[in-house]
All heavy atoms as atom14 arrays in JSON, in Angstrom:
{
  "sequence": "FSLDYYSIGWFRQAPGKERERVSCMDISNSTYYLTSVKGRFTISRDNA",
  "atom14_mask": [
    [1, 1, 1, 1, 1, 1, 1, 1, 1, 1, 1, 0, 0, 0],
    [1, 1, 1, 1, 1, 1, 0, 0, 0, 0, 0, 0, 0, 0],
    [1, 1, 1, 1, 1, 1, 1, 1, 0, 0, 0, 0, 0, 0],
    [1, 1, 1, 1, 1, 1, 1, 1, 0, 0, 0, 0, 0, 0],
    [1, 1, 1, 1, 1, 1, 1, 1, 1, 1, 1, 1, 0, 0],
    [1, 1, 1, 1, 1, 1, 1, 1, 1, 1, 1, 1, 0, 0],
    [1, 1, 1, 1, 1, 1, 0, 0, 0, 0, 0, 0, 0, 0],
    [1, 1, 1, 1, 1, 1, 1, 1, 0, 0, 0, 0, 0, 0],
    [1, 1, 1, 1, 0, 0, 0, 0, 0, 0, 0, 0, 0, 0],
    [1, 1, 1, 1, 1, 1, 1, 1, 1, 1, 1, 1, 1, 1],
    [1, 1, 1, 1, 1, 1, 1, 1, 1, 1, 1, 0, 0, 0],
    [1, 1, 1, 1, 1, 1, 1, 1, 1, 1, 1, 0, 0, 0],
    [1, 1, 1, 1, 1, 1, 1, 1, 1, 0, 0, 0, 0, 0],
    [1, 1, 1, 1, 1, 0, 0, 0, 0, 0, 0, 0, 0, 0],
    [1, 1, 1, 1, 1, 1, 1, 0, 0, 0, 0, 0, 0, 0],
    [1, 1, 1, 1, 0, 0, 0, 0, 0, 0, 0, 0, 0, 0],
    [1, 1, 1, 1, 1, 1, 1, 1, 1, 0, 0, 0, 0, 0],
    [1, 1, 1, 1, 1, 1, 1, 1, 1, 0, 0, 0, 0, 0],
    [1, 1, 1, 1, 1, 1, 1, 1, 1, 1, 1, 0, 0, 0],
    [1, 1, 1, 1, 1, 1, 1, 1, 1, 0, 0, 0, 0, 0],
    [1, 1, 1, 1, 1, 1, 1, 1, 1, 1, 1, 0, 0, 0],
    [1, 1, 1, 1, 1, 1, 1, 0, 0, 0, 0, 0, 0, 0],
    [1, 1, 1, 1, 1, 1, 0, 0, 0, 0, 0, 0, 0, 0],
    [1, 1, 1, 1, 1, 1, 0, 0, 0, 0, 0, 0, 0, 0],
    [1, 1, 1, 1, 1, 1, 1, 1, 0, 0, 0, 0, 0, 0],
    [1, 1, 1, 1, 1, 1, 1, 1, 0, 0, 0, 0, 0, 0],
    [1, 1, 1, 1, 1, 1, 1, 1, 0, 0, 0, 0, 0, 0],
    [1, 1, 1, 1, 1, 1, 0, 0, 0, 0, 0, 0, 0, 0],
    [1, 1, 1, 1, 1, 1, 1, 1, 0, 0, 0, 0, 0, 0],
    [1, 1, 1, 1, 1, 1, 0, 0, 0, 0, 0, 0, 0, 0],
    [1, 1, 1, 1, 1, 1, 1, 0, 0, 0, 0, 0, 0, 0],
    [1, 1, 1, 1, 1, 1, 1, 1, 1, 1, 1, 1, 0, 0],
    [1, 1, 1, 1, 1, 1, 1, 1, 1, 1, 1, 1, 0, 0],
    [1, 1, 1, 1, 1, 1, 1, 1, 0, 0, 0, 0, 0, 0],
    [1, 1, 1, 1, 1, 1, 1, 0, 0, 0, 0, 0, 0, 0],
    [1, 1, 1, 1, 1, 1, 0, 0, 0, 0, 0, 0, 0, 0],
    [1, 1, 1, 1, 1, 1, 1, 0, 0, 0, 0, 0, 0, 0],
    [1, 1, 1, 1, 1, 1, 1, 1, 1, 0, 0, 0, 0, 0],
    [1, 1, 1, 1, 0, 0, 0, 0, 0, 0, 0, 0, 0, 0],
    [1, 1, 1, 1, 1, 1, 1, 1, 1, 1, 1, 0, 0, 0],
    [1, 1, 1, 1, 1, 1, 1, 1, 1, 1, 1, 0, 0, 0],
    [1, 1, 1, 1, 1, 1, 1, 0, 0, 0, 0, 0, 0, 0],
    [1, 1, 1, 1, 1, 1, 1, 1, 0, 0, 0, 0, 0, 0],
    [1, 1, 1, 1, 1, 1, 0, 0, 0, 0, 0, 0, 0, 0],
    [1, 1, 1, 1, 1, 1, 1, 1, 1, 1, 1, 0, 0, 0],
    [1, 1, 1, 1, 1, 1, 1, 1, 0, 0, 0, 0, 0, 0],
    [1, 1, 1, 1, 1, 1, 1, 1, 0, 0, 0, 0, 0, 0],
    [1, 1, 1, 1, 1, 0, 0, 0, 0, 0, 0, 0, 0, 0]
  ],
  "atom14_positions": [
    [[-6.71, -11.29, 25.36], [-6.86, -9.88, 25.71], [-7.96, -9.28, 24.86], [-8.39, -9.88, 23.87], [-5.54, -9.11, 25.53], [-5.11, -8.95, 24.1], [-5.28, -7.74, 23.45], [-4.54, -10.0, 23.41], [-4.89, -7.59, 22.13], [-4.14, -9.86, 22.09], [-4.32, -8.65, 21.45], [0.0, 0.0, 0.0], [0.0, 0.0, 0.0], [0.0, 0.0, 0.0]],
    [[-8.4, -8.1, 25.23], [-9.46, -7.41, 24.5], [-8.85, -6.39, 23.56], [-8.16, -5.46, 23.99], [-10.43, -6.72, 25.46], [-11.13, -7.67, 26.24], [0.0, 0.0, 0.0], [0.0, 0.0, 0.0], [0.0, 0.0, 0.0], [0.0, 0.0, 0.0], [0.0, 0.0, 0.0], [0.0, 0.0, 0.0], [0.0, 0.0, 0.0], [0.0, 0.0, 0.0]],
    [[-9.14, -6.53, 22.29], [-8.59, -5.63, 21.29], [-9.08, -4.21, 21.43], [-8.41, -3.28, 20.97], [-8.91, -6.13, 19.88], [-7.87, -7.0, 19.18], [-8.36, -7.35, 17.79], [-6.53, -6.29, 19.12], [0.0, 0.0, 0.0], [0.0, 0.0, 0.0], [0.0, 0.0, 0.0], [0.0, 0.0, 0.0], [0.0, 0.0, 0.0], [0.0, 0.0, 0.0]],
    [[-10.21, -4.02, 22.05], [-10.75, -2.67, 22.19], [-9.87, -1.78, 23.06], [-10.02, -0.55, 23.04], [-12.18, -2.69, 22.72], [-12.35, -3.46, 24.01], [-11.75, -4.54, 24.15], [-13.12, -2.99, 24.87], [0.0, 0.0, 0.0], [0.0, 0.0, 0.0], [0.0, 0.0, 0.0], [0.0, 0.0, 0.0], [0.0, 0.0, 0.0], [0.0, 0.0, 0.0]],
    [[-8.95, -2.38, 23.8], [-8.02, -1.61, 24.62], [-6.67, -1.4, 23.94], [-5.76, -0.81, 24.54], [-7.8, -2.3, 25.97], [-9.06, -2.48, 26.78], [-9.37, -3.71, 27.35], [-9.92, -1.41, 27.01], [-10.52, -3.89, 28.1], [-11.07, -1.58, 27.76], [-11.36, -2.81, 28.31], [-12.5, -2.99, 29.06], [0.0, 0.0, 0.0], [0.0, 0.0, 0.0]],
    [[-6.53, -1.88, 22.73], [-5.25, -1.84, 22.03], [-5.36, -1.25, 20.65], [-6.34, -1.47, 19.93], [-4.68, -3.26, 21.88], [-4.03, -3.8, 23.13], [-4.8, -4.33, 24.16], [-2.65, -3.78, 23.26], [-4.19, -4.83, 25.3], [-2.04, -4.28, 24.4], [-2.82, -4.81, 25.41], [-2.23, -5.31, 26.54], [0.0, 0.0, 0.0], [0.0, 0.0, 0.0]],
    [[-4.34, -0.5, 20.28], [-4.14, -0.18, 18.88], [-3.75, -1.47, 18.16], [-3.22, -2.4, 18.76], [-3.04, 0.85, 18.71], [-3.36, 2.06, 19.38], [0.0, 0.0, 0.0], [0.0, 0.0, 0.0], [0.0, 0.0, 0.0], [0.0, 0.0, 0.0], [0.0, 0.0, 0.0], [0.0, 0.0, 0.0], [0.0, 0.0, 0.0], [0.0, 0.0, 0.0]],
    [[-4.0, -1.5, 16.87], [-3.68, -2.7, 16.1], [-3.11, -2.28, 14.75], [-3.61, -1.33, 14.13], [-4.92, -3.6, 15.93], [-4.54, -4.95, 15.33], [-6.0, -2.92, 15.11], [-3.87, -5.86, 16.33], [0.0, 0.0, 0.0], [0.0, 0.0, 0.0], [0.0, 0.0, 0.0], [0.0, 0.0, 0.0], [0.0, 0.0, 0.0], [0.0, 0.0, 0.0]],
    [[-2.09, -2.97, 14.33], [-1.45, -2.67, 13.06], [-1.48, -3.86, 12.12], [-1.49, -5.01, 12.55], [0.0, 0.0, 0.0], [0.0, 0.0, 0.0], [0.0, 0.0, 0.0], [0.0, 0.0, 0.0], [0.0, 0.0, 0.0], [0.0, 0.0, 0.0], [0.0, 0.0, 0.0], [0.0, 0.0, 0.0], [0.0, 0.0, 0.0], [0.0, 0.0, 0.0]],
    [[-1.49, -3.55, 10.85], [-1.28, -4.54, 9.8], [0.04, -4.26, 9.13], [0.32, -3.11, 8.74], [-2.4, -4.52, 8.76], [-3.66, -5.2, 9.17], [-4.8, -4.63, 9.65], [-3.92, -6.61, 9.12], [-5.75, -5.59, 9.9], [-5.24, -6.81, 9.58], [-3.17, -7.72, 8.73], [-5.82, -8.07, 9.66], [-3.74, -8.98, 8.82], [-5.05, -9.15, 9.28]],
    [[0.84, -5.29, 8.98], [2.13, -5.2, 8.33], [2.21, -6.19, 7.19], [1.47, -7.17, 7.16], [3.26, -5.48, 9.32], [3.46, -4.41, 10.36], [2.62, -4.31, 11.44], [4.5, -3.51, 10.24], [2.79, -3.34, 12.4], [4.7, -2.52, 11.19], [3.84, -2.44, 12.27], [0.0, 0.0, 0.0], [0.0, 0.0, 0.0], [0.0, 0.0, 0.0]],
    [[3.12, -5.95, 6.3], [3.37, -6.93, 5.25], [4.87, -7.03, 4.99], [5.62, -6.08, 5.2], [2.62, -6.59, 3.96], [3.12, -5.35, 3.24], [2.21, -5.04, 2.06], [2.67, -3.89, 1.3], [1.99, -3.33, 0.32], [0.78, -3.79, -0.02], [2.49, -2.28, -0.33], [0.0, 0.0, 0.0], [0.0, 0.0, 0.0], [0.0, 0.0, 0.0]],
    [[5.27, -8.19, 4.54], [6.66, -8.41, 4.2], [6.75, -9.25, 2.93], [6.25, -10.38, 2.89], [7.42, -9.09, 5.33], [8.92, -9.16, 5.09], [9.69, -9.49, 6.35], [9.17, -10.1, 7.28], [10.95, -9.08, 6.38], [0.0, 0.0, 0.0], [0.0, 0.0, 0.0], [0.0, 0.0, 0.0], [0.0, 0.0, 0.0], [0.0, 0.0, 0.0]],
    [[7.35, -8.67, 1.92], [7.59, -9.36, 0.67], [9.02, -9.87, 0.65], [9.88, -9.35, 1.37], [7.34, -8.42, -0.5], [0.0, 0.0, 0.0], [0.0, 0.0, 0.0], [0.0, 0.0, 0.0], [0.0, 0.0, 0.0], [0.0, 0.0, 0.0], [0.0, 0.0, 0.0], [0.0, 0.0, 0.0], [0.0, 0.0, 0.0], [0.0, 0.0, 0.0]],
    [[9.32, -10.88, -0.16], [10.68, -11.41, -0.22], [11.71, -10.33, -0.53], [11.53, -9.53, -1.45], [10.61, -12.44, -1.35], [9.18, -12.87, -1.36], [8.4, -11.64, -1.02], [0.0, 0.0, 0.0], [0.0, 0.0, 0.0], [0.0, 0.0, 0.0], [0.0, 0.0, 0.0], [0.0, 0.0, 0.0], [0.0, 0.0, 0.0], [0.0, 0.0, 0.0]],
    [[12.77, -10.3, 0.27], [13.84, -9.35, 0.06], [13.55, -7.95, 0.54], [14.4, -7.06, 0.34], [0.0, 0.0, 0.0], [0.0, 0.0, 0.0], [0.0, 0.0, 0.0], [0.0, 0.0, 0.0], [0.0, 0.0, 0.0], [0.0, 0.0, 0.0], [0.0, 0.0, 0.0], [0.0, 0.0, 0.0], [0.0, 0.0, 0.0], [0.0, 0.0, 0.0]],
    [[12.41, -7.73, 1.15], [12.06, -6.41, 1.62], [11.82, -6.42, 3.12], [11.51, -7.45, 3.71], [10.8, -5.89, 0.91], [10.96, -5.71, -0.59], [9.7, -5.13, -1.2], [9.86, -4.9, -2.69], [8.63, -4.34, -3.3], [0.0, 0.0, 0.0], [0.0, 0.0, 0.0], [0.0, 0.0, 0.0], [0.0, 0.0, 0.0], [0.0, 0.0, 0.0]],
    [[11.97, -5.27, 3.73], [11.7, -5.13, 5.15], [10.2, -5.13, 5.4], [9.4, -4.76, 4.54], [12.32, -3.86, 5.71], [13.84, -3.86, 5.73], [14.41, -2.67, 6.47], [13.65, -1.73, 6.78], [15.61, -2.68, 6.75], [0.0, 0.0, 0.0], [0.0, 0.0, 0.0], [0.0, 0.0, 0.0], [0.0, 0.0, 0.0], [0.0, 0.0, 0.0]],
    [[9.85, -5.55, 6.59], [8.46, -5.5, 7.0], [8.02, -4.05, 7.08], [8.69, -3.21, 7.68], [8.29, -6.2, 8.34], [6.86, -6.39, 8.78], [6.79, -7.34, 9.98], [7.22, -8.68, 9.61], [7.18, -9.73, 10.43], [6.73, -9.57, 11.68], [7.6, -10.91, 10.02], [0.0, 0.0, 0.0], [0.0, 0.0, 0.0], [0.0, 0.0, 0.0]],
    [[6.88, -3.73, 6.47], [6.4, -2.37, 6.45], [4.98, -2.3, 7.0], [4.19, -3.22, 6.83], [6.46, -1.77, 5.05], [5.62, -2.49, 4.01], [5.77, -1.92, 2.62], [6.41, -0.86, 2.46], [5.23, -2.53, 1.67], [0.0, 0.0, 0.0], [0.0, 0.0, 0.0], [0.0, 0.0, 0.0], [0.0, 0.0, 0.0], [0.0, 0.0, 0.0]],
    [[4.69, -1.18, 7.63], [3.36, -0.99, 8.17], [2.4, -0.61, 7.07], [2.56, 0.39, 6.39], [3.37, 0.1, 9.25], [2.09, 0.12, 10.09], [2.06, 1.28, 11.06], [1.76, 2.53, 10.38], [1.59, 3.69, 10.99], [1.72, 3.77, 12.31], [1.32, 4.78, 10.29], [0.0, 0.0, 0.0], [0.0, 0.0, 0.0], [0.0, 0.0, 0.0]],
    [[1.38, -1.42, 6.92], [0.35, -1.18, 5.92], [-0.7, -0.23, 6.46], [-1.15, 0.7, 5.78], [-0.3, -2.49, 5.47], [-1.44, -2.23, 4.48], [0.74, -3.42, 4.85], [0.0, 0.0, 0.0], [0.0, 0.0, 0.0], [0.0, 0.0, 0.0], [0.0, 0.0, 0.0], [0.0, 0.0, 0.0], [0.0, 0.0, 0.0], [0.0, 0.0, 0.0]],
    [[-1.1, -0.47, 7.7], [-2.16, 0.32, 8.31], [-2.1, 0.17, 9.81], [-1.5, -0.77, 10.33], [-3.53, -0.11, 7.78], [-4.56, 0.73, 8.26], [0.0, 0.0, 0.0], [0.0, 0.0, 0.0], [0.0, 0.0, 0.0], [0.0, 0.0, 0.0], [0.0, 0.0, 0.0], [0.0, 0.0, 0.0], [0.0, 0.0, 0.0], [0.0, 0.0, 0.0]],
    [[-2.73, 1.08, 10.5], [-2.84, 1.0, 11.95], [-4.09, 1.74, 12.39], [-4.44, 2.76, 11.79], [-1.61, 1.59, 12.63], [-1.52, 1.32, 14.42], [0.0, 0.0, 0.0], [0.0, 0.0, 0.0], [0.0, 0.0, 0.0], [0.0, 0.0, 0.0], [0.0, 0.0, 0.0], [0.0, 0.0, 0.0], [0.0, 0.0, 0.0], [0.0, 0.0, 0.0]],
    [[-4.73, 1.22, 13.4], [-5.86, 1.88, 14.03], [-5.57, 2.0, 15.51], [-5.32, 1.0, 16.18], [-7.15, 1.11, 13.8], [-8.37, 1.7, 14.53], [-9.91, 0.81, 14.2], [-10.31, 1.45, 12.57], [0.0, 0.0, 0.0], [0.0, 0.0, 0.0], [0.0, 0.0, 0.0], [0.0, 0.0, 0.0], [0.0, 0.0, 0.0], [0.0, 0.0, 0.0]],
    [[-5.61, 3.22, 16.04], [-5.33, 3.4, 17.45], [-6.61, 3.29, 18.27], [-7.69, 3.04, 17.75], [-4.58, 4.71, 17.71], [-5.38, 5.97, 17.41], [-6.62, 5.93, 17.41], [-4.74, 7.02, 17.2], [0.0, 0.0, 0.0], [0.0, 0.0, 0.0], [0.0, 0.0, 0.0], [0.0, 0.0, 0.0], [0.0, 0.0, 0.0], [0.0, 0.0, 0.0]],
    [[-6.47, 3.46, 19.59], [-7.6, 3.21, 20.47], [-8.69, 4.26, 20.36], [-9.8, 4.04, 20.84], [-7.15, 3.07, 21.94], [-6.44, 4.34, 22.42], [-6.28, 1.84, 22.11], [-6.12, 4.33, 23.9], [0.0, 0.0, 0.0], [0.0, 0.0, 0.0], [0.0, 0.0, 0.0], [0.0, 0.0, 0.0], [0.0, 0.0, 0.0], [0.0, 0.0, 0.0]],
    [[-8.4, 5.39, 19.73], [-9.43, 6.39, 19.44], [-10.02, 6.19, 18.05], [-10.82, 7.01, 17.59], [-8.87, 7.8, 19.57], [-7.93, 8.09, 18.56], [0.0, 0.0, 0.0], [0.0, 0.0, 0.0], [0.0, 0.0, 0.0], [0.0, 0.0, 0.0], [0.0, 0.0, 0.0], [0.0, 0.0, 0.0], [0.0, 0.0, 0.0], [0.0, 0.0, 0.0]],
    [[-9.61, 5.11, 17.38], [-10.06, 4.74, 16.04], [-9.54, 5.65, 14.94], [-10.06, 5.64, 13.82], [-11.58, 4.64, 15.97], [-12.13, 3.44, 16.72], [-11.44, 2.43, 16.87], [-13.35, 3.55, 17.19], [0.0, 0.0, 0.0], [0.0, 0.0, 0.0], [0.0, 0.0, 0.0], [0.0, 0.0, 0.0], [0.0, 0.0, 0.0], [0.0, 0.0, 0.0]],
    [[-8.5, 6.41, 15.24], [-7.78, 7.09, 14.17], [-7.05, 6.05, 13.34], [-6.56, 5.05, 13.88], [-6.78, 8.1, 14.74], [-7.45, 9.15, 15.41], [0.0, 0.0, 0.0], [0.0, 0.0, 0.0], [0.0, 0.0, 0.0], [0.0, 0.0, 0.0], [0.0, 0.0, 0.0], [0.0, 0.0, 0.0], [0.0, 0.0, 0.0], [0.0, 0.0, 0.0]],
    [[-6.97, 6.27, 12.06], [-6.36, 5.3, 11.15], [-5.19, 5.91, 10.4], [-5.15, 7.11, 10.14], [-7.38, 4.74, 10.16], [-7.97, 5.82, 9.42], [-8.49, 3.98, 10.89], [0.0, 0.0, 0.0], [0.0, 0.0, 0.0], [0.0, 0.0, 0.0], [0.0, 0.0, 0.0], [0.0, 0.0, 0.0], [0.0, 0.0, 0.0], [0.0, 0.0, 0.0]],
    [[-4.27, 5.03, 10.03], [-3.07, 5.42, 9.32], [-2.81, 4.39, 8.23], [-3.05, 3.2, 8.43], [-1.87, 5.47, 10.28], [-2.13, 6.32, 11.5], [-2.74, 5.77, 12.63], [-1.78, 7.66, 11.52], [-3.0, 6.55, 13.75], [-2.03, 8.45, 12.64], [-2.64, 7.89, 13.75], [-2.89, 8.66, 14.85], [0.0, 0.0, 0.0], [0.0, 0.0, 0.0]],
    [[-2.32, 4.87, 7.09], [-2.11, 3.98, 5.96], [-0.78, 4.26, 5.27], [-0.35, 5.41, 5.15], [-3.22, 4.13, 4.92], [-4.57, 3.68, 5.42], [-5.47, 4.59, 5.95], [-4.93, 2.33, 5.36], [-6.71, 4.18, 6.42], [-6.17, 1.92, 5.82], [-7.05, 2.84, 6.35], [-8.28, 2.43, 6.81], [0.0, 0.0, 0.0], [0.0, 0.0, 0.0]],
    [[-0.17, 3.2, 4.81], [0.95, 3.32, 3.91], [0.48, 4.06, 2.67], [-0.61, 3.8, 2.15], [1.45, 1.92, 3.55], [2.7, 1.76, 2.7], [3.93, 2.22, 3.48], [2.85, 0.31, 2.28], [0.0, 0.0, 0.0], [0.0, 0.0, 0.0], [0.0, 0.0, 0.0], [0.0, 0.0, 0.0], [0.0, 0.0, 0.0], [0.0, 0.0, 0.0]],
    [[1.28, 4.99, 2.2], [0.88, 5.83, 1.07], [0.41, 5.01, -0.12], [-0.6, 5.35, -0.76], [2.05, 6.74, 0.65], [2.42, 7.58, 1.74], [1.65, 7.62, -0.53], [0.0, 0.0, 0.0], [0.0, 0.0, 0.0], [0.0, 0.0, 0.0], [0.0, 0.0, 0.0], [0.0, 0.0, 0.0], [0.0, 0.0, 0.0], [0.0, 0.0, 0.0]],
    [[1.08, 3.93, -0.42], [0.77, 3.14, -1.6], [-0.55, 2.38, -1.51], [-1.03, 1.86, -2.51], [1.9, 2.16, -1.91], [2.09, 1.25, -0.85], [0.0, 0.0, 0.0], [0.0, 0.0, 0.0], [0.0, 0.0, 0.0], [0.0, 0.0, 0.0], [0.0, 0.0, 0.0], [0.0, 0.0, 0.0], [0.0, 0.0, 0.0], [0.0, 0.0, 0.0]],
    [[-1.15, 2.31, -0.32], [-2.42, 1.6, -0.18], [-3.58, 2.53, 0.14], [-4.73, 2.07, 0.2], [-2.35, 0.49, 0.89], [-1.14, -0.4, 0.67], [-2.35, 1.06, 2.31], [0.0, 0.0, 0.0], [0.0, 0.0, 0.0], [0.0, 0.0, 0.0], [0.0, 0.0, 0.0], [0.0, 0.0, 0.0], [0.0, 0.0, 0.0], [0.0, 0.0, 0.0]],
    [[-3.32, 3.81, 0.3], [-4.39, 4.76, 0.6], [-5.44, 4.75, -0.5], [-5.13, 4.78, -1.68], [-3.82, 6.17, 0.77], [-3.06, 6.39, 2.06], [-2.56, 7.83, 2.17], [-1.83, 8.06, 3.48], [-1.31, 9.44, 3.58], [0.0, 0.0, 0.0], [0.0, 0.0, 0.0], [0.0, 0.0, 0.0], [0.0, 0.0, 0.0], [0.0, 0.0, 0.0]],
    [[-6.69, 4.71, -0.08], [-7.79, 4.67, -1.02], [-8.14, 3.28, -1.5], [-9.18, 3.09, -2.13], [0.0, 0.0, 0.0], [0.0, 0.0, 0.0], [0.0, 0.0, 0.0], [0.0, 0.0, 0.0], [0.0, 0.0, 0.0], [0.0, 0.0, 0.0], [0.0, 0.0, 0.0], [0.0, 0.0, 0.0], [0.0, 0.0, 0.0], [0.0, 0.0, 0.0]],
    [[-7.29, 2.31, -1.2], [-7.54, 0.93, -1.62], [-7.79, 0.0, -0.43], [-8.61, -0.92, -0.54], [-6.36, 0.39, -2.43], [-6.08, 1.18, -3.71], [-5.06, 0.48, -4.59], [-3.75, 0.36, -3.93], [-3.16, -0.78, -3.62], [-3.74, -1.93, -3.91], [-1.96, -0.78, -3.04], [0.0, 0.0, 0.0], [0.0, 0.0, 0.0], [0.0, 0.0, 0.0]],
    [[-7.08, 0.21, 0.66], [-7.2, -0.64, 1.83], [-7.93, 0.1, 2.94], [-7.79, 1.32, 3.09], [-5.83, -1.06, 2.37], [-5.05, -1.99, 1.47], [-5.49, -2.33, 0.21], [-3.85, -2.52, 1.93], [-4.75, -3.17, -0.61], [-3.11, -3.37, 1.13], [-3.56, -3.7, -0.14], [0.0, 0.0, 0.0], [0.0, 0.0, 0.0], [0.0, 0.0, 0.0]],
    [[-8.67, -0.64, 3.75], [-9.37, -0.06, 4.88], [-9.22, -0.97, 6.09], [-9.49, -2.16, 6.02], [-10.87, 0.13, 4.59], [-11.04, 0.94, 3.42], [-11.56, 0.81, 5.77], [0.0, 0.0, 0.0], [0.0, 0.0, 0.0], [0.0, 0.0, 0.0], [0.0, 0.0, 0.0], [0.0, 0.0, 0.0], [0.0, 0.0, 0.0], [0.0, 0.0, 0.0]],
    [[-8.79, -0.39, 7.2], [-8.7, -1.13, 8.45], [-9.96, -0.86, 9.27], [-10.49, 0.25, 9.28], [-7.43, -0.75, 9.23], [-7.22, -1.68, 10.43], [-7.45, 0.71, 9.67], [-5.86, -1.5, 11.11], [0.0, 0.0, 0.0], [0.0, 0.0, 0.0], [0.0, 0.0, 0.0], [0.0, 0.0, 0.0], [0.0, 0.0, 0.0], [0.0, 0.0, 0.0]],
    [[-10.44, -1.88, 9.94], [-11.61, -1.73, 10.79], [-11.53, -2.75, 11.91], [-10.7, -3.67, 11.88], [-12.91, -1.91, 9.99], [-12.99, -3.21, 9.43], [0.0, 0.0, 0.0], [0.0, 0.0, 0.0], [0.0, 0.0, 0.0], [0.0, 0.0, 0.0], [0.0, 0.0, 0.0], [0.0, 0.0, 0.0], [0.0, 0.0, 0.0], [0.0, 0.0, 0.0]],
    [[-12.37, -2.59, 12.89], [-12.4, -3.55, 13.99], [-13.83, -3.83, 14.41], [-14.73, -3.0, 14.26], [-11.57, -3.07, 15.18], [-12.14, -1.86, 15.9], [-11.4, -1.64, 17.23], [-10.12, -0.97, 17.05], [-9.05, -1.19, 17.81], [-9.1, -2.07, 18.8], [-7.94, -0.52, 17.57], [0.0, 0.0, 0.0], [0.0, 0.0, 0.0], [0.0, 0.0, 0.0]],
    [[-14.03, -5.02, 14.93], [-15.28, -5.43, 15.53], [-14.94, -5.9, 16.94], [-14.51, -7.03, 17.14], [-15.94, -6.54, 14.72], [-17.31, -6.93, 15.23], [-17.62, -6.64, 16.41], [-18.09, -7.51, 14.46], [0.0, 0.0, 0.0], [0.0, 0.0, 0.0], [0.0, 0.0, 0.0], [0.0, 0.0, 0.0], [0.0, 0.0, 0.0], [0.0, 0.0, 0.0]],
    [[-15.1, -5.01, 17.89], [-14.68, -5.32, 19.25], [-15.48, -6.47, 19.86], [-14.95, -7.24, 20.67], [-14.8, -4.08, 20.13], [-13.76, -3.03, 19.81], [-12.7, -3.34, 19.25], [-14.04, -1.79, 20.16], [0.0, 0.0, 0.0], [0.0, 0.0, 0.0], [0.0, 0.0, 0.0], [0.0, 0.0, 0.0], [0.0, 0.0, 0.0], [0.0, 0.0, 0.0]],
    [[-16.74, -6.59, 19.48], [-17.56, -7.68, 20.0], [-17.01, -9.04, 19.6], [-17.17, -10.02, 20.32], [-19.0, -7.53, 19.52], [0.0, 0.0, 0.0], [0.0, 0.0, 0.0], [0.0, 0.0, 0.0], [0.0, 0.0, 0.0], [0.0, 0.0, 0.0], [0.0, 0.0, 0.0], [0.0, 0.0, 0.0], [0.0, 0.0, 0.0], [0.0, 0.0, 0.0]]
  ]
}
């Protein structure tokens, strides 16, 4: 499938913890970040 038509999320799961959303980019390229990673992590895409 083509990622340019989909939002995409990054998640992480550490031992003994629930899977948590680290970041997400929607189809309008708005981005969202887990509070603890803001300013440190960056989500991006290369549709090509």
